[in-house]
């Protein structure tokens, strides 16, 4: 969330920054302007009446000495009236500030000054490309055909169980999923010094507000209902481990000496994919349930951009070790997610589509999430706490890594070569079907 006072005092500047996202984003400030003016007016009136009350209080001592009972009674009535009026103004001010807070929760983060201009993902510049796209002496098949033929991917039975956009993995397919999760967690904890976390998969609404998922993206979440009809405290299935892991330090003050902090977590992720009807309906690209290993970092404002580059390199290392051809693109201002101020996407090559597709998004949010979740740090002992900066990125989306392996390492005979780092876990160097080949 943006700083209410900064927005009120620098409305034109904030509008200019948000206009880099889109005119629609900048227009969200329209209601803030009148609220800000009303807030300033109420503060002025309240402070003026408080000064009158203070002066009246000071005069009471003199009246007490004079022994003028009538004047004392009149002054008491005056003070009572002033106090009532101040109370009314403070109540009105609280309502205005609450409305400003509600409006600010719907306003996206401003782009970082280094974020390039642009209106959509078509203007996202390519930062670097790694590896070479695999070539085939045959027409490469999409992962859903490869997986179905091998008997390791079953979306028909998943539809029978849960409906569209779910999958069942069999045999080597299930083991490949598990191997990727273990490989990613081991890599990040062993080589990149992340602390592994196993968080709850159900969270309160407050945690989703803290990361910017609520109230903006309510329709994209799965909300549960308590069995007790008198208990209205619903929980939400996590859309990503970013939500519980970031909120581990909600309402806390960390020491600067302990920063940066780096956590990684595996969770299943649940998304309703509202608004995506007709897109990626086949295969594993866009599922209601999928696995992900998430990277979360907490940093000081001065080191956040450096930490973003580091986090992105950690996500890239997964692709490099697996030998998957990919590229890194930077989000332009018009393609930033709601909470992000600067982001990179890792896009893996899919031969069947002859295109790169997103497999990770790595972002810094500035103090946008920290302000919502009240996550602060103390620069030095006894110093006033400051908001820290939060960062996160997929390290990686497991299902999309799974399908990229099938597509990039498919063979003419329909089998799939297992990347070398996964072979010890898989017990084979080739997937030939449900049963693992020795």
Protein backbone atom coordinates (compact mmCIF):
# COMPACT_ATOMS: atom_id res chain seq x y z
CA UNK A 1 0.00 0.00 0.00
CA UNK A 2 1.17 3.50 -0.75
CA UNK A 3 1.89 5.90 2.09
CA UNK A 4 -1.33 7.86 2.72
CA UNK A 5 0.48 10.99 3.88
CA UNK A 6 2.89 10.93 0.95
CA UNK A 7 0.01 10.49 -1.49
CA UNK A 8 -1.91 13.37 0.10
CA UNK A 9 1.09 15.70 0.07
CA UNK A 10 2.39 14.68 -3.38
CA UNK A 11 -0.77 13.84 -5.29
CA UNK A 12 0.40 15.13 -8.68
CA UNK A 13 3.71 13.28 -8.42
CA UNK A 14 2.03 10.00 -7.46
CA UNK A 15 -0.45 10.47 -10.30
CA UNK A 16 2.43 10.93 -12.73
CA UNK A 17 4.12 7.76 -11.49
CA UNK A 18 0.92 5.71 -11.68
CA UNK A 19 0.21 7.01 -15.17
CA UNK A 20 3.29 5.07 -16.28
CA UNK A 21 1.25 1.97 -15.53
CA UNK A 22 -1.88 3.20 -17.29
CA UNK A 23 -4.35 6.09 -17.31
CA UNK A 24 -6.77 3.81 -15.44
CA UNK A 25 -4.28 3.32 -12.61
CA UNK A 26 -3.75 7.08 -12.30
CA UNK A 27 -7.51 7.69 -12.29
CA UNK A 28 -7.81 5.65 -9.08
CA UNK A 29 -6.42 8.71 -7.31
CA UNK A 30 -9.41 10.85 -8.29
CA UNK A 31 -11.35 10.01 -5.15
CA UNK A 32 -8.27 10.50 -2.99
CA UNK A 33 -7.97 14.19 -3.89
CA UNK A 34 -11.28 15.25 -2.35
CA UNK A 35 -10.73 13.01 0.66
CA UNK A 36 -7.29 14.51 1.18
CA UNK A 37 -8.69 18.04 1.04
CA UNK A 38 -11.42 17.13 3.49
CA UNK A 39 -8.84 15.49 5.77
CA UNK A 40 -6.67 18.64 5.81
CA UNK A 41 -9.73 20.78 6.51
CA UNK A 42 -10.77 18.58 9.44
CA UNK A 43 -7.25 18.52 10.86
CA UNK A 44 -7.14 22.33 10.71
CA UNK A 45 -10.50 22.70 12.45
CA UNK A 46 -9.61 20.10 15.07
CA UNK A 47 -6.28 21.71 15.89
CA UNK A 48 -7.93 25.16 16.07
CA UNK A 49 -10.55 23.94 18.56
CA UNK A 50 -7.90 22.09 20.56
CA UNK A 51 -5.99 25.37 20.89
CA UNK A 52 -9.18 27.08 22.12
CA UNK A 53 -9.73 24.28 24.62
CA UNK A 54 -6.15 24.54 25.88
CA UNK A 55 -6.54 28.29 26.31
CA UNK A 56 -9.84 27.78 28.13
CA UNK A 57 -8.22 25.25 30.42
CA UNK A 58 -5.45 27.70 31.20
CA UNK A 59 -8.06 30.33 32.07
CA UNK A 60 -9.80 28.03 34.52
CA UNK A 61 -6.97 28.47 37.06
CA UNK A 62 -7.42 32.25 37.03
CA UNK A 63 -11.18 31.93 37.39
CA UNK A 64 -10.74 29.55 40.29
CA UNK A 65 -8.70 32.18 42.11
CA UNK A 66 -11.30 34.87 41.42
CA UNK A 67 -14.04 32.88 43.09
CA UNK A 68 -16.50 33.85 40.33
CA UNK A 69 -18.80 30.82 40.36
CA UNK A 70 -20.94 31.98 37.42
CA UNK A 71 -17.90 32.51 35.23
CA UNK A 72 -16.56 29.11 36.27
CA UNK A 73 -19.81 27.40 35.31
CA UNK A 74 -19.88 29.22 31.97
CA UNK A 75 -16.30 28.22 31.27
CA UNK A 76 -17.11 24.58 32.09
CA UNK A 77 -19.97 24.64 29.60
CA UNK A 78 -17.66 26.19 27.04
CA UNK A 79 -15.08 23.44 27.60
CA UNK A 80 -17.76 20.76 27.40
CA UNK A 81 -19.04 22.15 24.10
CA UNK A 82 -15.49 22.38 22.71
CA UNK A 83 -14.73 18.81 23.76
CA UNK A 84 -17.94 17.55 22.13
CA UNK A 85 -17.17 19.41 18.93
CA UNK A 86 -13.58 18.10 18.90
CA UNK A 87 -14.87 14.58 19.49
CA UNK A 88 -17.26 14.91 16.53
CA UNK A 89 -14.49 16.24 14.30
CA UNK A 90 -12.11 13.44 15.37
CA UNK A 91 -14.80 10.88 14.58
CA UNK A 92 -15.36 12.46 11.17
CA UNK A 93 -11.60 12.52 10.58
CA UNK A 94 -11.30 8.84 11.51
CA UNK A 95 -14.03 7.99 9.00
CA UNK A 96 -12.27 9.98 6.27
CA UNK A 97 -8.94 8.32 7.02
CA UNK A 98 -10.59 4.87 7.01
CA UNK A 99 -12.11 5.61 3.60
CA UNK A 100 -8.72 6.78 2.33
CA UNK A 101 -7.21 3.56 3.65
CA UNK A 102 -9.83 1.47 1.84
CA UNK A 103 -9.21 3.34 -1.40
CA UNK A 104 -5.43 3.01 -1.05
CA UNK A 105 -5.83 -0.77 -0.75
CA UNK A 106 -7.16 -0.79 -4.34
CA UNK A 107 -4.36 1.38 -5.77
CA UNK A 108 -1.33 -0.45 -7.26
CA UNK A 109 2.29 0.21 -6.44
CA UNK A 110 4.17 2.88 -8.38
CA UNK A 111 6.83 1.68 -10.85
CA UNK A 112 10.45 2.04 -9.80
CA UNK A 113 12.26 4.78 -11.70
CA UNK A 114 14.44 2.12 -13.39
CA UNK A 115 11.42 0.18 -14.67
CA UNK A 116 11.16 0.75 -18.44
CA UNK A 117 8.13 2.45 -19.97
CA UNK A 118 5.63 0.39 -21.93
CA UNK A 119 1.95 -0.51 -22.07
CA UNK A 120 1.92 -4.33 -22.19
CA UNK A 121 4.09 -7.46 -22.20
CA UNK A 122 4.79 -6.82 -25.88
CA UNK A 123 7.05 -3.95 -24.77
CA UNK A 124 8.95 -6.00 -22.16
CA UNK A 125 12.65 -5.87 -23.11
CA UNK A 126 14.71 -9.06 -23.17
CA UNK A 127 17.55 -8.80 -20.65
CA UNK A 128 19.40 -12.03 -21.55
CA UNK A 129 18.91 -15.46 -23.09
CA UNK A 130 20.56 -18.68 -21.92
CA UNK A 131 21.15 -21.87 -23.86
CA UNK A 132 20.09 -22.90 -27.32
CA UNK A 133 16.62 -23.97 -28.38
CA UNK A 134 16.61 -27.75 -28.98
CA UNK A 135 16.28 -28.89 -32.58
CA UNK A 136 14.35 -31.98 -33.60
CA UNK A 137 14.33 -34.23 -36.68
CA UNK A 138 10.59 -34.61 -36.06
CA UNK A 139 7.66 -32.35 -35.26
CA UNK A 140 7.87 -31.75 -31.48
CA UNK A 141 4.75 -32.66 -29.56
CA UNK A 142 3.07 -30.66 -26.80
CA UNK A 143 3.59 -31.91 -23.27
CA UNK A 144 0.00 -33.08 -22.86
CA UNK A 145 0.38 -35.45 -25.81
CA UNK A 146 3.75 -36.71 -24.56
CA UNK A 147 2.47 -37.21 -21.03
CA UNK A 148 -0.77 -38.89 -22.09
CA UNK A 149 1.03 -41.25 -24.50
CA UNK A 150 3.52 -42.20 -21.78
CA UNK A 151 0.66 -42.73 -19.34
CA UNK A 152 2.10 -40.27 -16.79
CA UNK A 153 -0.41 -37.42 -17.27
CA UNK A 154 -4.14 -38.01 -16.87
CA UNK A 155 -6.49 -35.08 -17.16
CA UNK A 156 -9.60 -37.09 -17.96
CA UNK A 157 -9.62 -38.81 -14.58
CA UNK A 158 -8.73 -35.50 -12.91
CA UNK A 159 -11.81 -33.94 -14.53
CA UNK A 160 -13.90 -36.81 -13.16
CA UNK A 161 -12.58 -36.02 -9.67
CA UNK A 162 -12.47 -32.24 -9.68
CA UNK A 163 -13.52 -30.76 -13.02
CA UNK A 164 -11.48 -28.84 -15.60
CA UNK A 165 -7.95 -27.49 -14.99
CA UNK A 166 -6.82 -30.30 -12.71
CA UNK A 167 -4.38 -33.14 -13.41
CA UNK A 168 -3.40 -36.55 -12.12
CA UNK A 169 0.25 -37.59 -12.47
CA UNK A 170 1.06 -41.31 -12.58
CA UNK A 171 4.26 -43.23 -11.89
CA UNK A 172 7.27 -41.48 -13.35
CA UNK A 173 5.21 -38.32 -13.82
CA UNK A 174 4.44 -38.11 -10.11
CA UNK A 175 8.03 -38.97 -9.25
CA UNK A 176 9.34 -36.27 -11.60
CA UNK A 177 7.15 -33.72 -9.80
CA UNK A 178 8.52 -34.83 -6.44
CA UNK A 179 12.09 -34.89 -7.75
CA UNK A 180 11.81 -31.31 -8.96
CA UNK A 181 10.49 -30.09 -5.60
CA UNK A 182 13.32 -31.81 -3.74
CA UNK A 183 15.94 -30.59 -6.22
CA UNK A 184 14.80 -26.97 -5.97
CA UNK A 185 14.62 -26.96 -2.18
CA UNK A 186 18.03 -28.62 -1.88
CA UNK A 187 19.61 -26.19 -4.34
CA UNK A 188 18.27 -23.08 -2.63
CA UNK A 189 18.99 -24.20 0.94
CA UNK A 190 22.37 -25.81 0.25
CA UNK A 191 23.88 -23.50 -2.37
CA UNK A 192 21.98 -20.23 -1.90
CA UNK A 193 21.60 -20.15 1.91
CA UNK A 194 17.81 -19.96 2.08
CA UNK A 195 16.07 -21.19 5.20
CA UNK A 196 13.42 -23.74 4.30
CA UNK A 197 9.91 -23.09 5.62
CA UNK A 198 6.88 -25.36 5.58
CA UNK A 199 3.96 -22.96 6.12
CA UNK A 200 0.19 -23.50 6.44
CA UNK A 201 -1.72 -23.84 3.17
CA UNK A 202 -4.72 -22.00 4.62
CA UNK A 203 -4.43 -18.35 5.66
CA UNK A 204 -6.57 -15.59 7.09
CA UNK A 205 -7.75 -12.67 5.00
CA UNK A 206 -5.29 -10.38 6.79
CA UNK A 207 -2.35 -12.29 5.30
CA UNK A 208 -3.73 -11.82 1.78
CA UNK A 209 -4.27 -8.11 2.42
CA UNK A 210 -0.64 -7.94 3.57
CA UNK A 211 0.70 -9.17 0.23
CA UNK A 212 -1.79 -7.27 -1.94
CA UNK A 213 -4.00 -10.21 -2.96
CA UNK A 214 -6.99 -8.75 -1.14
CA UNK A 215 -9.18 -6.91 -1.76
CA UNK A 216 -8.10 -6.58 -5.40
CA UNK A 217 -8.04 -10.28 -6.37
CA UNK A 218 -10.83 -11.80 -4.32
CA UNK A 219 -12.28 -13.54 -7.40
CA UNK A 220 -9.03 -15.40 -8.05
CA UNK A 221 -8.97 -17.06 -4.61
CA UNK A 222 -10.53 -20.18 -3.16
CA UNK A 223 -12.32 -19.29 0.07
CA UNK A 224 -13.29 -21.94 2.61
CA UNK A 225 -16.29 -22.05 4.91
CA UNK A 226 -16.23 -23.11 8.55
CA UNK A 227 -18.42 -26.05 9.55
CA UNK A 228 -19.63 -24.01 12.53
CA UNK A 229 -22.34 -21.66 11.14
CA UNK A 230 -21.54 -19.17 13.90
CA UNK A 231 -17.87 -18.94 12.92
CA UNK A 232 -17.45 -16.41 10.12
CA UNK A 233 -13.63 -16.39 10.14
CA UNK A 234 -13.12 -17.97 6.73
CA UNK A 235 -9.70 -19.14 5.59
CA UNK A 236 -8.30 -19.00 2.06
CA UNK A 237 -6.24 -21.60 0.21
CA UNK A 238 -2.87 -20.02 -0.57
CA UNK A 239 -2.41 -18.80 -4.17
CA UNK A 240 1.37 -18.93 -3.57
CA UNK A 241 3.76 -19.47 -0.65
CA UNK A 242 4.56 -15.76 -0.91
CA UNK A 243 1.47 -15.08 1.21
CA UNK A 244 2.21 -17.12 4.35
CA UNK A 245 5.99 -16.71 4.18
CA UNK A 246 5.93 -12.92 3.77
CA UNK A 247 3.47 -12.63 6.65
CA UNK A 248 5.66 -14.66 8.99
CA UNK A 249 7.06 -11.30 10.11
CA UNK A 250 3.82 -9.29 10.06
CA UNK A 251 3.65 -6.83 12.96
CA UNK A 252 7.31 -7.47 13.79
CA UNK A 253 10.42 -5.31 14.02
CA UNK A 254 13.57 -7.06 12.75
CA UNK A 255 17.15 -6.05 13.45
CA UNK A 256 19.14 -4.62 10.56
CA UNK A 257 21.97 -6.99 11.47
CA UNK A 258 19.67 -9.90 10.59
CA UNK A 259 18.96 -8.59 7.08
CA UNK A 260 18.71 -9.73 4.43
CA UNK A 261 16.61 -12.72 5.39
CA UNK A 262 16.00 -15.42 2.78
CA UNK A 263 13.32 -18.11 2.96
CA UNK A 264 12.21 -20.79 0.51
CA UNK A 265 9.06 -22.85 0.72
CA UNK A 266 7.21 -25.52 -1.18
CA UNK A 267 3.42 -25.32 -1.25
CA UNK A 268 0.64 -26.39 -3.53
CA UNK A 269 -0.99 -23.26 -4.94
CA UNK A 270 -4.69 -22.75 -5.61
CA UNK A 271 -6.11 -20.22 -8.05
CA UNK A 272 -9.54 -19.94 -9.59
CA UNK A 273 -8.02 -18.43 -12.76
CA UNK A 274 -10.89 -15.97 -12.96
CA UNK A 275 -10.96 -14.28 -16.34
CA UNK A 276 -8.76 -16.88 -18.04
CA UNK A 277 -11.55 -18.89 -19.66
CA UNK A 278 -10.44 -20.25 -23.01
CA UNK A 279 -6.73 -19.66 -22.33
CA UNK A 280 -4.33 -22.62 -22.01
CA UNK A 281 -7.19 -25.04 -21.51
CA UNK A 282 -4.98 -28.03 -22.41
CA UNK A 283 -2.04 -29.27 -20.38
CA UNK A 284 -0.45 -27.86 -17.26
CA UNK A 285 0.14 -24.19 -18.11
CA UNK A 286 -2.90 -22.85 -16.24
CA UNK A 287 -4.24 -25.07 -13.46
CA UNK A 288 -6.45 -24.51 -10.42
CA UNK A 289 -3.93 -26.49 -8.34
CA UNK A 290 -0.19 -26.57 -8.96
CA UNK A 291 3.08 -26.91 -7.07
CA UNK A 292 5.63 -24.18 -6.60
CA UNK A 293 8.84 -23.54 -4.72
CA UNK A 294 8.87 -19.89 -3.68
CA UNK A 295 11.77 -17.62 -2.75
CA UNK A 296 11.11 -14.72 -0.33
CA UNK A 297 13.63 -12.14 0.81
CA UNK A 298 13.49 -9.26 3.32
CA UNK A 299 15.99 -6.43 2.75
CA UNK A 300 16.82 -2.85 3.65
CA UNK A 301 15.68 -0.21 1.13
CA UNK A 302 19.31 0.50 0.17
CA UNK A 303 19.99 -3.13 -0.87
CA UNK A 304 16.63 -4.15 -2.38
CA UNK A 305 17.60 -3.77 -6.04
CA UNK A 306 20.80 -5.74 -5.48
CA UNK A 307 18.73 -8.39 -3.72
CA UNK A 308 16.35 -8.57 -6.69
CA UNK A 309 19.23 -9.36 -9.04
CA UNK A 310 20.47 -12.02 -6.62
CA UNK A 311 17.05 -13.62 -6.21
CA UNK A 312 16.56 -13.70 -9.98
CA UNK A 313 19.92 -15.40 -10.46
CA UNK A 314 18.91 -18.06 -7.93
CA UNK A 315 15.74 -18.85 -9.88
CA UNK A 316 17.73 -18.93 -13.11
CA UNK A 317 20.18 -21.42 -11.62
CA UNK A 318 17.42 -24.04 -11.50
CA UNK A 319 16.89 -23.75 -15.25
CA UNK A 320 20.60 -23.73 -15.99
CA UNK A 321 21.32 -26.87 -14.00
CA UNK A 322 18.43 -28.64 -15.68
CA UNK A 323 19.73 -27.49 -19.09
CA UNK A 324 16.49 -25.76 -20.09
CA UNK A 325 16.65 -22.99 -22.69
CA UNK A 326 15.14 -19.76 -21.33
CA UNK A 327 15.26 -15.99 -21.40
CA UNK A 328 14.85 -13.17 -18.88
CA UNK A 329 12.58 -10.23 -19.68
CA UNK A 330 11.96 -7.13 -17.60
CA UNK A 331 8.41 -5.98 -16.99
CA UNK A 332 7.62 -2.60 -18.45
CA UNK A 333 5.56 -0.25 -16.27
CA UNK A 334 2.29 -1.24 -17.97
CA UNK A 335 2.87 -4.95 -17.33
CA UNK A 336 3.77 -4.80 -13.63
CA UNK A 337 1.70 -6.84 -11.22
CA UNK A 338 -0.42 -4.97 -8.69
CA UNK A 339 2.12 -4.96 -5.83
CA UNK A 340 5.38 -4.88 -7.77
CA UNK A 341 7.58 -1.86 -8.38
CA UNK A 342 10.19 -3.74 -10.48
CA UNK A 343 10.03 -7.27 -11.91
CA UNK A 344 11.74 -9.81 -14.13
CA UNK A 345 10.09 -12.81 -15.77
CA UNK A 346 11.95 -16.02 -16.53
CA UNK A 347 10.45 -17.55 -19.66
CA UNK A 348 11.21 -21.13 -20.68
CA UNK A 349 11.19 -22.29 -24.31
CA UNK A 350 8.31 -24.59 -25.35
CA UNK A 351 9.11 -26.25 -28.70
CA UNK A 352 5.48 -27.20 -29.39
CA UNK A 353 4.43 -23.55 -29.23
CA UNK A 354 7.67 -22.19 -30.68
CA UNK A 355 7.49 -19.59 -27.95
CA UNK A 356 8.81 -18.65 -24.53
CA UNK A 357 6.35 -18.98 -21.62
CA UNK A 358 6.64 -17.60 -18.10
CA UNK A 359 7.99 -20.00 -15.49
CA UNK A 360 8.96 -17.49 -12.78
CA UNK A 361 8.32 -13.88 -11.87
CA UNK A 362 10.87 -12.21 -9.59
CA UNK A 363 9.89 -8.91 -8.01
CA UNK A 364 10.71 -6.27 -5.47
CA UNK A 365 7.74 -4.55 -3.88
CA UNK A 366 9.50 -1.70 -2.14
CA UNK A 367 7.71 -1.02 1.15
CA UNK A 368 4.28 -1.64 -0.46
CA UNK A 369 3.70 -5.01 1.24
CA UNK A 370 5.62 -4.11 4.38
CA UNK A 371 3.32 -1.15 5.03
CA UNK A 372 0.25 -3.37 4.68
CA UNK A 373 1.66 -6.14 6.88
CA UNK A 374 3.51 -3.77 9.27
CA UNK A 375 6.91 -5.40 8.75
CA UNK A 376 9.70 -3.14 9.96
CA UNK A 377 13.35 -3.18 10.91
CA UNK A 378 15.51 -1.17 13.29
CA UNK A 379 18.52 0.36 11.43
CA UNK A 380 20.53 0.39 14.65
CA UNK A 381 19.88 -0.23 18.34
CA UNK A 382 17.30 2.19 19.81
CA UNK A 383 16.70 3.76 16.39
CA UNK A 384 13.16 4.40 15.17
CA UNK A 385 11.84 1.39 13.18
CA UNK A 386 11.55 1.75 9.40
CA UNK A 387 9.61 -0.21 6.81
CA UNK A 388 11.81 -2.80 5.12
CA UNK A 389 11.49 -3.99 1.51
CA UNK A 390 10.06 -7.37 0.51
CA UNK A 391 10.97 -9.46 -2.53
CA UNK A 392 9.85 -12.79 -3.91
CA UNK A 393 10.06 -15.03 -6.95
CA UNK A 394 9.17 -18.53 -8.07
CA UNK A 395 12.12 -20.81 -7.75
CA UNK A 396 10.39 -22.38 -9.78
CA UNK A 397 6.80 -23.18 -10.75
CA UNK A 398 7.12 -26.97 -10.61
CA UNK A 399 4.42 -27.92 -13.11
CA UNK A 400 5.79 -25.61 -15.77
CA UNK A 401 9.29 -26.98 -15.18
CA UNK A 402 7.83 -30.49 -15.50
CA UNK A 403 6.23 -29.74 -18.84
CA UNK A 404 9.31 -27.89 -20.13
CA UNK A 405 11.40 -31.00 -19.46
CA UNK A 406 8.95 -33.15 -21.42
CA UNK A 407 8.96 -30.76 -24.36
CA UNK A 408 12.66 -29.85 -24.54
CA UNK A 409 13.95 -33.38 -23.87
CA UNK A 410 11.43 -35.42 -25.88
CA UNK A 411 12.81 -38.06 -28.18
CA UNK A 412 11.65 -39.43 -31.53
CA UNK A 413 10.54 -42.70 -29.91
CA UNK A 414 8.26 -40.83 -27.49
CA UNK A 415 10.49 -41.19 -24.43
CA UNK A 416 11.90 -38.27 -22.44
CA UNK A 417 15.51 -37.83 -21.29
CA UNK A 418 15.76 -37.02 -17.57
CA UNK A 419 18.07 -34.05 -16.79
CA UNK A 420 21.24 -35.21 -15.05
CA UNK A 421 20.55 -33.52 -11.64
CA UNK A 422 17.30 -35.50 -11.29
CA UNK A 423 18.55 -38.94 -12.29
CA UNK A 424 19.64 -40.14 -8.86
CA UNK A 425 16.24 -39.31 -7.44
CA UNK A 426 14.37 -40.73 -10.43
CA UNK A 427 16.52 -43.87 -10.59
CA UNK A 428 16.72 -43.59 -14.37
CA UNK A 429 17.95 -41.39 -17.17
CA UNK A 430 14.85 -41.81 -19.32
CA UNK A 431 11.08 -41.78 -18.87
CA UNK A 432 9.49 -44.52 -20.96
CA UNK A 433 6.09 -44.79 -19.30
CA UNK A 434 4.36 -45.25 -15.95
CA UNK A 435 6.93 -47.80 -14.81
CA UNK A 436 10.38 -46.33 -14.26
CA UNK A 437 12.96 -47.57 -16.74
CA UNK A 438 16.16 -48.90 -15.20
